[in-house]
């Protein structure tokens, strides 16, 4: 999946080479990476809880439980999962209409659906996502992450939760705004410069620490994590969602569960591919689906809002040197420690420091090379990149990916439909049509236009050596052609058709189809139609 794109991730993020998993230095790096991620998770989880219309601890518990389980059992070391905005914007209407207990029940059902997807190994279909869709995905997500940080430039307590997320609010102005921008710039400068001096401490952690120390020492008045909400709490407790076990309840939660499961898996599997190229691993899609499902099922029973993979936090982790499961596990445990013991300290961290970290993630995530290649790639690919980026920002990731795949598939089908043609050889008593290009639903009409039934000789040979019969529409087109020649009193022979075609063609007794060097491939045919319409089956 576009090694140049993923190499860019490594270059922009200053990713070091993986170390020995038993090396104390690597273990220290994993723990510090986890600490950095945990610090960045706090405001994200709180903000997404506000978007979903639930208490901050509901988002924090989800970040802890989902992060821990996926780190232990997920398909890719180095990935970070937790409460995400992509899911929160779907949850808000459910919470507003039916309450938080229905959300917990929905998250449980969402997890069960994801487990089924993993067991059925449907995660492999993420391979069907074309590269232009991937570029649009990372670009759109980078913009979404950037826009999410703008809320931190508003005065805490002035925003309002609506069906579209967190809106309204009064922007910082004057000296408060300038101070906030200066601290964001300081954090970004530390993250950019420190790797050139040393890699002992992860640059994002150093940026957060230096900015926080300056704010505390000089008493600078800027928004802090504690201004968003208190993160103090206890251990999450087991809790069966208080909803009636009725058909009506299932009708309410099932549509939300399906949408949430789809969004969560799409974002997780795309992030899995990106992180996999960085850490040099492949596969793991089905395992990730099961881990995400198990994590959401558990978090639904412990008062969490559910979650999925987070590309922003995953990039922070790999930037900081995290390569093992230890980094994800430690991030979840550090987050729990913050909730239980260190809330007053964490609440003193300025939001500007965390915004600076996320801005650097945005810079590293956006596929800047896609701007340069827009004029060089085919027009349809450029259109898909822009389309997916726009839909990701305007709607959500799942919709964007589905739209991008559909547009790409239709464009591919149209391009192949125009490639059908025939080369002909004519003798006094016969004519040979050598078909070039695939025969499928898109090219079936063009295939029929290749033949001159009325003027052809008594014997016609149609050679499919350089073609391929792909689906039922192709078989129907062949039968229709045969019917025309039979009606004209002429004999048609088919060469180099697969054995599958031999069995399926209705007029096998009238067509000469056997050939010593026939290819062997399957044809995509609707079995219910095959028996009724073609009159032949296996």
Protein backbone atom coordinates (compact mmCIF):
# COMPACT_ATOMS: atom_id res chain seq x y z
CA UNK A 1 0.00 0.00 0.00
CA UNK A 2 2.02 2.92 -1.31
CA UNK A 3 5.39 2.54 0.36
CA UNK A 4 6.25 6.11 -0.55
CA UNK A 5 3.29 7.36 1.48
CA UNK A 6 4.22 5.28 4.47
CA UNK A 7 7.88 6.15 4.18
CA UNK A 8 6.74 9.75 4.42
CA UNK A 9 5.06 8.93 7.72
CA UNK A 10 8.34 7.62 9.06
CA UNK A 11 10.39 10.56 7.79
CA UNK A 12 8.02 13.25 9.04
CA UNK A 13 7.57 11.61 12.42
CA UNK A 14 11.23 10.84 13.03
CA UNK A 15 10.56 7.14 13.57
CA UNK A 16 13.61 5.22 14.81
CA UNK A 17 14.35 1.69 13.81
CA UNK A 18 12.82 -1.00 16.00
CA UNK A 19 15.01 -2.13 18.86
CA UNK A 20 15.40 -5.47 20.58
CA UNK A 21 12.25 -6.27 22.57
CA UNK A 22 14.46 -7.41 25.52
CA UNK A 23 16.64 -4.31 25.47
CA UNK A 24 16.09 -2.18 28.61
CA UNK A 25 16.44 0.95 26.48
CA UNK A 26 13.63 -0.23 24.23
CA UNK A 27 11.45 -1.07 27.22
CA UNK A 28 12.03 2.42 28.59
CA UNK A 29 11.10 3.83 25.20
CA UNK A 30 7.90 1.77 25.15
CA UNK A 31 6.90 3.02 28.62
CA UNK A 32 7.63 6.65 27.80
CA UNK A 33 5.72 6.29 24.53
CA UNK A 34 2.79 4.94 26.49
CA UNK A 35 2.96 7.88 28.90
CA UNK A 36 2.97 10.34 26.01
CA UNK A 37 -0.05 8.67 24.42
CA UNK A 38 -1.91 8.59 27.74
CA UNK A 39 -1.43 12.33 28.21
CA UNK A 40 -2.78 12.99 24.73
CA UNK A 41 -5.71 10.62 25.31
CA UNK A 42 -7.11 12.57 28.26
CA UNK A 43 -8.44 15.68 26.47
CA UNK A 44 -9.43 13.63 23.42
CA UNK A 45 -11.54 11.20 25.51
CA UNK A 46 -13.13 14.04 27.46
CA UNK A 47 -13.92 16.01 24.29
CA UNK A 48 -15.43 12.99 22.54
CA UNK A 49 -17.53 12.26 25.63
CA UNK A 50 -18.91 15.79 25.37
CA UNK A 51 -19.64 15.21 21.67
CA UNK A 52 -21.56 12.01 22.50
CA UNK A 53 -23.45 13.78 25.27
CA UNK A 54 -22.15 11.60 28.12
CA UNK A 55 -20.06 12.19 31.24
CA UNK A 56 -16.27 12.58 30.80
CA UNK A 57 -15.56 9.37 32.74
CA UNK A 58 -17.61 7.41 30.17
CA UNK A 59 -15.08 8.46 27.53
CA UNK A 60 -12.08 7.89 29.79
CA UNK A 61 -13.25 4.40 30.78
CA UNK A 62 -13.72 3.55 27.10
CA UNK A 63 -10.21 4.78 26.28
CA UNK A 64 -8.77 2.63 29.09
CA UNK A 65 -10.70 -0.60 28.41
CA UNK A 66 -10.63 -0.49 24.61
CA UNK A 67 -6.98 0.59 24.63
CA UNK A 68 -5.92 -2.19 27.01
CA UNK A 69 -7.75 -5.08 25.33
CA UNK A 70 -6.75 -4.14 21.78
CA UNK A 71 -3.14 -3.62 22.89
CA UNK A 72 -3.11 -7.12 24.40
CA UNK A 73 -4.93 -9.02 21.65
CA UNK A 74 -5.09 -6.75 18.58
CA UNK A 75 -3.67 -7.47 15.18
CA UNK A 76 -0.82 -4.97 15.29
CA UNK A 77 1.64 -3.92 18.03
CA UNK A 78 2.00 -0.16 18.18
CA UNK A 79 -1.64 0.63 17.44
CA UNK A 80 -3.59 2.71 19.93
CA UNK A 81 -7.35 2.46 20.33
CA UNK A 82 -9.82 4.44 22.38
CA UNK A 83 -12.90 6.65 22.25
CA UNK A 84 -13.04 8.43 18.88
CA UNK A 85 -14.93 11.33 17.38
CA UNK A 86 -16.00 9.25 14.36
CA UNK A 87 -18.10 7.10 16.69
CA UNK A 88 -19.14 9.91 19.03
CA UNK A 89 -20.95 11.89 16.32
CA UNK A 90 -23.14 8.84 15.64
CA UNK A 91 -23.80 8.19 19.34
CA UNK A 92 -25.05 11.67 20.19
CA UNK A 93 -28.52 11.27 18.68
CA UNK A 94 -29.00 7.88 20.38
CA UNK A 95 -28.06 9.33 23.78
CA UNK A 96 -30.25 12.41 23.24
CA UNK A 97 -33.32 10.33 22.32
CA UNK A 98 -33.01 7.26 24.54
CA UNK A 99 -30.38 7.87 27.21
CA UNK A 100 -26.95 6.55 28.09
CA UNK A 101 -28.14 3.04 29.04
CA UNK A 102 -29.20 2.43 25.46
CA UNK A 103 -25.73 3.57 24.39
CA UNK A 104 -24.12 0.91 26.61
CA UNK A 105 -26.42 -1.77 25.13
CA UNK A 106 -25.59 -0.56 21.63
CA UNK A 107 -21.85 -0.74 22.33
CA UNK A 108 -22.23 -4.35 23.52
CA UNK A 109 -24.11 -5.30 20.35
CA UNK A 110 -21.59 -3.37 18.25
CA UNK A 111 -18.81 -5.45 19.78
CA UNK A 112 -20.61 -8.72 19.09
CA UNK A 113 -21.06 -7.73 15.44
CA UNK A 114 -17.35 -6.96 15.16
CA UNK A 115 -16.46 -10.33 16.69
CA UNK A 116 -18.62 -12.08 14.07
CA UNK A 117 -16.89 -10.10 11.32
CA UNK A 118 -13.52 -11.21 12.67
CA UNK A 119 -14.52 -14.87 13.01
CA UNK A 120 -15.88 -14.86 9.45
CA UNK A 121 -12.60 -13.30 8.30
CA UNK A 122 -14.37 -10.46 6.49
CA UNK A 123 -11.64 -8.05 7.51
CA UNK A 124 -9.65 -9.19 4.46
CA UNK A 125 -11.98 -7.15 2.26
CA UNK A 126 -10.13 -4.03 3.40
CA UNK A 127 -7.74 -4.98 0.59
CA UNK A 128 -10.37 -3.71 -1.84
CA UNK A 129 -9.73 -0.15 -0.70
CA UNK A 130 -7.77 1.50 -3.56
CA UNK A 131 -4.73 3.68 -2.98
CA UNK A 132 -6.49 6.97 -3.92
CA UNK A 133 -9.06 6.18 -1.22
CA UNK A 134 -6.22 5.64 1.25
CA UNK A 135 -4.75 9.03 0.37
CA UNK A 136 -8.15 10.67 0.80
CA UNK A 137 -8.56 8.82 4.09
CA UNK A 138 -5.35 10.13 5.65
CA UNK A 139 -5.92 13.64 4.27
CA UNK A 140 -9.49 13.80 5.53
CA UNK A 141 -8.56 12.40 8.91
CA UNK A 142 -5.71 14.90 9.24
CA UNK A 143 -8.15 17.74 8.57
CA UNK A 144 -10.65 16.30 11.06
CA UNK A 145 -7.94 16.06 13.74
CA UNK A 146 -6.94 19.66 13.01
CA UNK A 147 -10.50 20.94 13.21
CA UNK A 148 -11.06 19.05 16.47
CA UNK A 149 -8.21 21.01 18.06
CA UNK A 150 -9.78 24.37 17.24
CA UNK A 151 -12.27 23.81 20.04
CA UNK A 152 -9.40 24.20 22.49
CA UNK A 153 -9.10 27.84 21.40
CA UNK A 154 -12.49 28.59 22.94
CA UNK A 155 -13.12 29.68 26.51
CA UNK A 156 -13.82 26.52 28.56
CA UNK A 157 -17.44 26.15 29.62
CA UNK A 158 -18.90 28.22 26.77
CA UNK A 159 -19.39 25.41 24.24
CA UNK A 160 -22.68 23.60 23.77
CA UNK A 161 -23.41 20.01 22.80
CA UNK A 162 -25.76 19.56 19.85
CA UNK A 163 -26.69 16.88 17.37
CA UNK A 164 -23.64 17.86 15.32
CA UNK A 165 -21.19 17.63 18.23
CA UNK A 166 -19.64 20.42 20.27
CA UNK A 167 -20.57 23.78 18.82
CA UNK A 168 -20.90 27.44 19.69
CA UNK A 169 -18.65 28.87 22.32
CA UNK A 170 -16.67 32.05 22.74
CA UNK A 171 -13.25 32.23 21.11
CA UNK A 172 -10.17 33.32 23.01
CA UNK A 173 -9.05 36.81 22.11
CA UNK A 174 -6.36 39.35 22.86
CA UNK A 175 -3.47 38.31 25.08
CA UNK A 176 -5.12 34.99 26.01
CA UNK A 177 -5.18 33.95 22.35
CA UNK A 178 -1.61 35.12 21.72
CA UNK A 179 -0.38 33.25 24.78
CA UNK A 180 -2.17 30.09 23.68
CA UNK A 181 -0.67 30.31 20.19
CA UNK A 182 2.81 30.95 21.60
CA UNK A 183 2.63 27.87 23.82
CA UNK A 184 1.35 25.75 20.93
CA UNK A 185 4.26 26.97 18.79
CA UNK A 186 6.72 26.24 21.64
CA UNK A 187 5.46 22.68 21.95
CA UNK A 188 5.71 22.13 18.21
CA UNK A 189 9.23 23.59 18.14
CA UNK A 190 10.38 21.23 20.91
CA UNK A 191 8.89 18.22 19.08
CA UNK A 192 10.63 19.25 15.85
CA UNK A 193 14.04 20.10 17.34
CA UNK A 194 14.54 17.53 20.12
CA UNK A 195 14.99 14.44 17.86
CA UNK A 196 17.96 16.25 16.28
CA UNK A 197 19.62 16.41 19.70
CA UNK A 198 18.57 13.22 21.47
CA UNK A 199 16.06 10.38 21.29
CA UNK A 200 16.31 9.38 24.94
CA UNK A 201 13.00 11.11 25.72
CA UNK A 202 10.09 11.03 23.25
CA UNK A 203 9.80 14.47 21.70
CA UNK A 204 6.03 14.84 22.31
CA UNK A 205 6.49 14.02 26.00
CA UNK A 206 9.28 16.58 26.26
CA UNK A 207 7.13 19.17 24.52
CA UNK A 208 4.26 18.60 26.94
CA UNK A 209 6.59 18.65 29.95
CA UNK A 210 8.48 21.82 29.02
CA UNK A 211 5.31 23.76 28.22
CA UNK A 212 3.57 22.58 31.39
CA UNK A 213 6.55 23.54 33.57
CA UNK A 214 6.68 27.05 32.08
CA UNK A 215 2.95 27.55 32.65
CA UNK A 216 3.14 26.35 36.26
CA UNK A 217 6.35 28.23 37.19
CA UNK A 218 5.25 31.56 35.74
CA UNK A 219 1.58 31.19 36.57
CA UNK A 220 0.51 31.78 32.97
CA UNK A 221 -3.26 32.02 32.67
CA UNK A 222 -4.24 29.61 29.87
CA UNK A 223 -6.90 26.87 29.57
CA UNK A 224 -5.91 23.69 31.38
CA UNK A 225 -7.11 20.09 31.11
CA UNK A 226 -8.97 20.57 34.37
CA UNK A 227 -10.96 23.42 32.83
CA UNK A 228 -12.65 20.95 30.49
CA UNK A 229 -13.84 18.61 33.26
CA UNK A 230 -12.55 16.71 36.25
CA UNK A 231 -11.02 13.36 35.38
CA UNK A 232 -11.04 12.09 38.96
CA UNK A 233 -12.82 8.77 39.35
CA UNK A 234 -12.67 5.19 40.58
CA UNK A 235 -12.31 1.84 38.90
CA UNK A 236 -14.92 1.10 36.24
CA UNK A 237 -17.64 -1.14 37.68
CA UNK A 238 -19.47 -4.01 35.98
CA UNK A 239 -22.91 -2.86 34.96
CA UNK A 240 -25.53 -4.60 32.82
CA UNK A 241 -27.25 -1.96 30.65
CA UNK A 242 -30.62 -1.08 32.16
CA UNK A 243 -32.76 -1.55 29.05
CA UNK A 244 -35.74 -3.83 28.52
CA UNK A 245 -34.86 -7.03 26.68
CA UNK A 246 -37.54 -6.61 24.04
CA UNK A 247 -37.85 -6.59 20.26
CA UNK A 248 -38.48 -2.85 20.42
CA UNK A 249 -35.14 -2.29 22.14
CA UNK A 250 -33.36 -4.31 19.44
CA UNK A 251 -35.05 -2.23 16.76
CA UNK A 252 -33.68 0.91 18.43
CA UNK A 253 -30.08 -0.18 19.00
CA UNK A 254 -29.43 -2.48 16.00
CA UNK A 255 -29.15 0.27 13.32
CA UNK A 256 -26.77 2.25 15.51
CA UNK A 257 -24.76 -0.87 16.37
CA UNK A 258 -24.30 -1.80 12.69
CA UNK A 259 -23.20 1.74 11.75
CA UNK A 260 -20.83 2.00 14.71
CA UNK A 261 -19.36 -1.45 14.02
CA UNK A 262 -18.75 -0.54 10.38
CA UNK A 263 -17.15 2.82 11.17
CA UNK A 264 -15.01 1.32 13.92
CA UNK A 265 -13.74 -1.55 11.78
CA UNK A 266 -13.04 0.56 8.71
CA UNK A 267 -11.03 3.10 10.70
CA UNK A 268 -9.25 0.34 12.64
CA UNK A 269 -8.32 -1.71 9.57
CA UNK A 270 -7.08 1.28 7.61
CA UNK A 271 -4.97 2.31 10.59
CA UNK A 272 -3.79 -1.31 10.86
CA UNK A 273 -2.44 -1.13 7.30
CA UNK A 274 -0.63 2.17 7.90
CA UNK A 275 0.96 1.09 11.16
CA UNK A 276 1.76 -2.32 9.67
CA UNK A 277 3.91 -0.81 6.94
CA UNK A 278 5.74 1.33 9.48
CA UNK A 279 6.55 -1.52 11.88
CA UNK A 280 7.17 -3.98 9.04
CA UNK A 281 4.29 -6.38 9.69
CA UNK A 282 1.40 -7.63 7.58
CA UNK A 283 -1.88 -9.42 8.16
CA UNK A 284 -3.79 -9.41 11.41
CA UNK A 285 -7.05 -7.98 10.05
CA UNK A 286 -9.29 -10.73 11.42
CA UNK A 287 -7.51 -10.70 14.76
CA UNK A 288 -7.96 -6.94 14.98
CA UNK A 289 -11.68 -7.27 14.26
CA UNK A 290 -12.10 -9.80 17.07
CA UNK A 291 -10.03 -7.70 19.48
CA UNK A 292 -12.02 -4.55 18.67
CA UNK A 293 -15.25 -6.50 19.14
CA UNK A 294 -14.17 -8.00 22.45
CA UNK A 295 -13.01 -4.59 23.68
CA UNK A 296 -16.32 -2.92 22.83
CA UNK A 297 -18.37 -5.75 24.31
CA UNK A 298 -16.47 -5.46 27.59
CA UNK A 299 -16.53 -1.66 27.70
CA UNK A 300 -20.30 -1.69 27.19
CA UNK A 301 -20.64 -3.72 30.39
CA UNK A 302 -18.31 -1.36 32.30
CA UNK A 303 -19.91 1.98 31.48
CA UNK A 304 -17.74 2.98 28.50
CA UNK A 305 -18.82 4.59 25.23
CA UNK A 306 -16.92 2.20 22.95
CA UNK A 307 -14.13 3.02 20.55
CA UNK A 308 -11.81 1.97 17.75
CA UNK A 309 -8.27 2.56 16.50
CA UNK A 310 -7.01 6.15 16.66
CA UNK A 311 -4.64 7.14 13.88
CA UNK A 312 -3.54 10.30 15.70
CA UNK A 313 -2.51 8.51 18.89
CA UNK A 314 -1.06 5.62 16.89
CA UNK A 315 1.19 8.09 15.04
CA UNK A 316 2.21 9.68 18.36
CA UNK A 317 3.15 6.22 19.61
CA UNK A 318 5.27 5.22 16.62
CA UNK A 319 6.84 8.69 16.55
CA UNK A 320 7.88 8.18 20.15
CA UNK A 321 9.44 4.81 19.33
CA UNK A 322 6.64 2.47 20.40
CA UNK A 323 6.86 -0.83 18.54
CA UNK A 324 5.69 -3.44 21.04
CA UNK A 325 2.39 -4.19 22.74
CA UNK A 326 3.94 -2.79 25.89
CA UNK A 327 3.46 0.78 24.68
CA UNK A 328 -0.28 0.35 24.17
CA UNK A 329 -0.68 -1.55 27.43
CA UNK A 330 1.25 1.07 29.39
CA UNK A 331 -0.78 3.88 27.78
CA UNK A 332 -4.00 2.31 29.04
CA UNK A 333 -2.58 1.68 32.52
CA UNK A 334 -1.16 5.20 32.76
CA UNK A 335 -4.57 6.55 31.83
CA UNK A 336 -6.16 4.50 34.60
CA UNK A 337 -3.56 5.82 37.05
CA UNK A 338 -4.44 9.36 36.00
CA UNK A 339 -8.10 8.69 36.78
CA UNK A 340 -7.41 7.04 40.13
CA UNK A 341 -4.43 8.91 41.57
CA UNK A 342 -3.01 11.71 39.43
CA UNK A 343 -6.09 13.67 38.35
CA UNK A 344 -5.07 16.93 40.10
CA UNK A 345 -1.62 16.82 38.46
CA UNK A 346 -2.88 15.95 34.96
CA UNK A 347 -5.54 18.65 35.21
CA UNK A 348 -2.72 21.23 35.50
CA UNK A 349 -1.39 20.43 32.00
CA UNK A 350 -2.12 23.31 29.58
CA UNK A 351 -4.30 22.39 26.64
CA UNK A 352 -1.88 24.30 24.41
CA UNK A 353 0.75 21.60 24.92
CA UNK A 354 -1.60 18.84 23.82
CA UNK A 355 -2.83 20.93 20.89
CA UNK A 356 0.78 21.37 19.78
CA UNK A 357 1.29 17.60 19.86
CA UNK A 358 -1.83 17.01 17.77
CA UNK A 359 -0.85 19.72 15.28
CA UNK A 360 2.42 17.87 14.70
CA UNK A 361 0.39 14.69 14.20
CA UNK A 362 -1.66 16.54 11.57
CA UNK A 363 1.50 17.64 9.75
CA UNK A 364 2.84 14.10 9.80
CA UNK A 365 -0.46 12.47 8.81
CA UNK A 366 -1.48 14.62 5.85
CA UNK A 367 -0.28 13.15 2.54
CA UNK A 368 1.44 16.27 1.23
CA UNK A 369 2.72 14.39 -1.79
CA UNK A 370 -0.89 13.88 -2.89
CA UNK A 371 -1.06 17.60 -3.69
CA UNK A 372 1.96 17.24 -5.96
CA UNK A 373 0.71 14.16 -7.81
CA UNK A 374 -2.87 15.35 -8.39
CA UNK A 375 -1.91 16.58 -11.88
CA UNK A 376 0.10 13.46 -12.67
CA UNK A 377 -2.34 10.69 -11.77
CA UNK A 378 -5.42 9.80 -13.88
CA UNK A 379 -8.26 12.29 -13.49
CA UNK A 380 -10.55 9.76 -11.80
CA UNK A 381 -7.90 8.98 -9.17
CA UNK A 382 -7.42 12.68 -8.45
CA UNK A 383 -11.19 13.05 -8.15
CA UNK A 384 -11.41 10.12 -5.70
CA UNK A 385 -8.66 11.60 -3.50
CA UNK A 386 -10.48 14.94 -3.26
CA UNK A 387 -13.89 13.27 -2.90
CA UNK A 388 -12.88 10.98 -0.03
CA UNK A 389 -11.12 13.84 1.74
CA UNK A 390 -14.21 16.04 1.49
CA UNK A 391 -16.69 13.35 2.55
CA UNK A 392 -14.50 12.39 5.53
CA UNK A 393 -14.57 15.99 6.75
CA UNK A 394 -18.24 16.62 5.95
CA UNK A 395 -19.72 13.29 7.09
CA UNK A 396 -17.69 10.41 8.49
CA UNK A 397 -14.91 8.00 7.60
CA UNK A 398 -17.10 4.99 6.81
CA UNK A 399 -19.25 6.94 4.36
CA UNK A 400 -16.15 8.41 2.73
CA UNK A 401 -14.47 5.03 2.24
CA UNK A 402 -17.64 3.39 0.89
CA UNK A 403 -18.20 6.28 -1.53
CA UNK A 404 -14.57 6.18 -2.64
CA UNK A 405 -14.62 2.42 -3.23
CA UNK A 406 -17.90 2.62 -5.18
CA UNK A 407 -16.66 5.45 -7.41
CA UNK A 408 -13.35 3.64 -8.01
CA UNK A 409 -15.15 0.39 -8.82
CA UNK A 410 -17.54 2.07 -11.24
CA UNK A 411 -14.65 3.86 -12.94
CA UNK A 412 -12.75 0.57 -13.25
CA UNK A 413 -15.82 -1.18 -14.67
CA UNK A 414 -16.37 1.58 -17.22
CA UNK A 415 -12.74 1.54 -18.32
CA UNK A 416 -12.86 -2.23 -18.83
CA UNK A 417 -16.23 -2.02 -20.56
CA UNK A 418 -14.70 0.15 -23.29
CA UNK A 419 -11.86 -2.30 -23.92
CA UNK A 420 -13.96 -5.05 -25.50
CA UNK A 421 -13.12 -5.49 -29.18
CA UNK A 422 -12.60 -8.21 -31.75
CA UNK A 423 -10.02 -9.10 -34.37
CA UNK A 424 -11.46 -10.98 -37.35
CA UNK A 425 -10.20 -13.42 -39.99
CA UNK A 426 -12.49 -14.25 -42.90
CA UNK A 427 -12.41 -17.17 -45.34
CA UNK A 428 -14.95 -18.05 -48.05
CA UNK A 429 -16.79 -20.47 -45.72
CA UNK A 430 -16.09 -19.18 -42.18
CA UNK A 431 -15.25 -16.17 -40.06
CA UNK A 432 -13.25 -16.07 -36.80
CA UNK A 433 -13.83 -13.42 -34.12
CA UNK A 434 -10.93 -13.20 -31.66
CA UNK A 435 -12.36 -11.37 -28.63
CA UNK A 436 -10.04 -8.97 -26.82
CA UNK A 437 -10.84 -7.70 -23.33
CA UNK A 438 -13.04 -8.94 -20.46
CA UNK A 439 -16.68 -9.86 -21.04
CA UNK A 440 -18.87 -8.87 -18.08
CA UNK A 441 -21.99 -6.84 -17.33
CA UNK A 442 -20.35 -3.58 -18.38
CA UNK A 443 -19.11 -4.82 -21.77
CA UNK A 444 -21.99 -7.17 -22.66
CA UNK A 445 -23.73 -4.60 -24.86
CA UNK A 446 -20.50 -3.67 -26.65
CA UNK A 447 -19.81 -7.39 -27.20
CA UNK A 448 -23.09 -7.84 -29.05
CA UNK A 449 -22.27 -4.92 -31.34
CA UNK A 450 -19.06 -6.60 -32.56
CA UNK A 451 -20.88 -9.15 -34.75
CA UNK A 452 -22.48 -8.86 -38.18
CA UNK A 453 -24.99 -11.71 -38.06
CA UNK A 454 -26.70 -11.01 -41.36
CA UNK A 455 -23.53 -10.78 -43.49
CA UNK A 456 -21.39 -13.43 -41.76
CA UNK A 457 -20.80 -16.80 -43.52
CA UNK A 458 -22.49 -20.05 -42.52
CA UNK A 459 -19.81 -20.95 -39.97
CA UNK A 460 -18.68 -18.49 -37.27
CA UNK A 461 -15.99 -19.13 -34.64
CA UNK A 462 -15.77 -16.95 -31.53
CA UNK A 463 -12.39 -17.32 -29.83
CA UNK A 464 -12.13 -16.22 -26.16
CA UNK A 465 -8.42 -16.99 -25.76
CA UNK A 466 -7.64 -13.31 -25.04
CA UNK A 467 -10.83 -12.65 -23.13
CA UNK A 468 -12.45 -13.81 -19.94
CA UNK A 469 -16.09 -14.50 -19.23
CA UNK A 470 -16.70 -12.98 -15.82
CA UNK A 471 -20.36 -13.18 -14.82
CA UNK A 472 -23.91 -14.15 -15.67
CA UNK A 473 -24.41 -11.09 -17.86
CA UNK A 474 -21.55 -12.35 -20.04
CA UNK A 475 -23.13 -15.80 -20.34
CA UNK A 476 -26.47 -14.24 -21.22
CA UNK A 477 -24.77 -12.15 -23.91
CA UNK A 478 -23.18 -15.29 -25.39
CA UNK A 479 -26.53 -17.10 -25.39
CA UNK A 480 -28.27 -14.15 -27.00
CA UNK A 481 -25.60 -14.07 -29.72
CA UNK A 482 -26.00 -17.80 -30.31
CA UNK A 483 -29.74 -17.37 -30.58
CA UNK A 484 -29.30 -14.74 -33.30
CA UNK A 485 -27.00 -16.97 -35.37
CA UNK A 486 -29.29 -19.99 -34.92
CA UNK A 487 -32.28 -17.92 -36.00
CA UNK A 488 -30.33 -16.93 -39.13
CA UNK A 489 -29.63 -20.61 -39.86
CA UNK A 490 -25.89 -20.30 -39.17
CA UNK A 491 -23.53 -22.36 -37.05
CA UNK A 492 -21.53 -20.75 -34.23
CA UNK A 493 -18.58 -22.32 -32.42
CA UNK A 494 -17.12 -21.06 -29.11
CA UNK A 495 -13.45 -21.62 -28.38
CA UNK A 496 -11.37 -21.29 -25.23
CA UNK A 497 -14.24 -21.03 -22.79
CA UNK A 498 -13.75 -22.36 -19.28
CA UNK A 499 -15.32 -25.61 -18.10
CA UNK A 500 -17.61 -23.55 -15.93
CA UNK A 501 -18.95 -21.86 -19.06
CA UNK A 502 -19.40 -25.25 -20.72
CA UNK A 503 -21.62 -26.43 -17.90
CA UNK A 504 -23.64 -23.23 -17.77
CA UNK A 505 -24.38 -22.52 -21.42
CA UNK A 506 -27.92 -23.49 -22.20
CA UNK A 507 -27.31 -24.45 -25.83
CA UNK A 508 -24.34 -26.73 -25.23
CA UNK A 509 -25.79 -29.24 -27.68
CA UNK A 510 -25.90 -26.68 -30.47
CA UNK A 511 -22.57 -24.94 -29.88
CA UNK A 512 -19.14 -26.43 -30.43
CA UNK A 513 -17.43 -25.34 -27.21
CA UNK A 514 -14.86 -27.99 -26.39
CA UNK A 515 -11.19 -27.27 -26.95
CA UNK A 516 -8.07 -29.09 -25.77
CA UNK A 517 -6.54 -25.95 -24.34
CA UNK A 518 -9.63 -24.41 -22.73
CA UNK A 519 -8.80 -22.33 -19.65
CA UNK A 520 -10.11 -23.24 -16.19
CA UNK A 521 -11.62 -20.43 -14.15
CA UNK A 522 -14.86 -19.79 -12.31
CA UNK A 523 -17.67 -17.51 -13.44
CA UNK A 524 -19.55 -15.28 -11.01
CA UNK A 525 -23.16 -16.40 -11.49
CA UNK A 526 -26.28 -16.10 -9.34
CA UNK A 527 -27.09 -19.76 -8.55
CA UNK A 528 -30.81 -19.08 -8.21
CA UNK A 529 -30.86 -17.57 -11.68
CA UNK A 530 -28.46 -20.10 -13.14
CA UNK A 531 -30.89 -22.98 -12.68
CA UNK A 532 -33.99 -21.15 -13.79
CA UNK A 533 -32.67 -19.08 -16.69
CA UNK A 534 -29.80 -21.07 -18.12
CA UNK A 535 -31.29 -24.47 -17.57
CA UNK A 536 -27.95 -26.00 -16.64
CA UNK A 537 -26.16 -26.43 -13.34
CA UNK A 538 -23.42 -28.27 -11.64
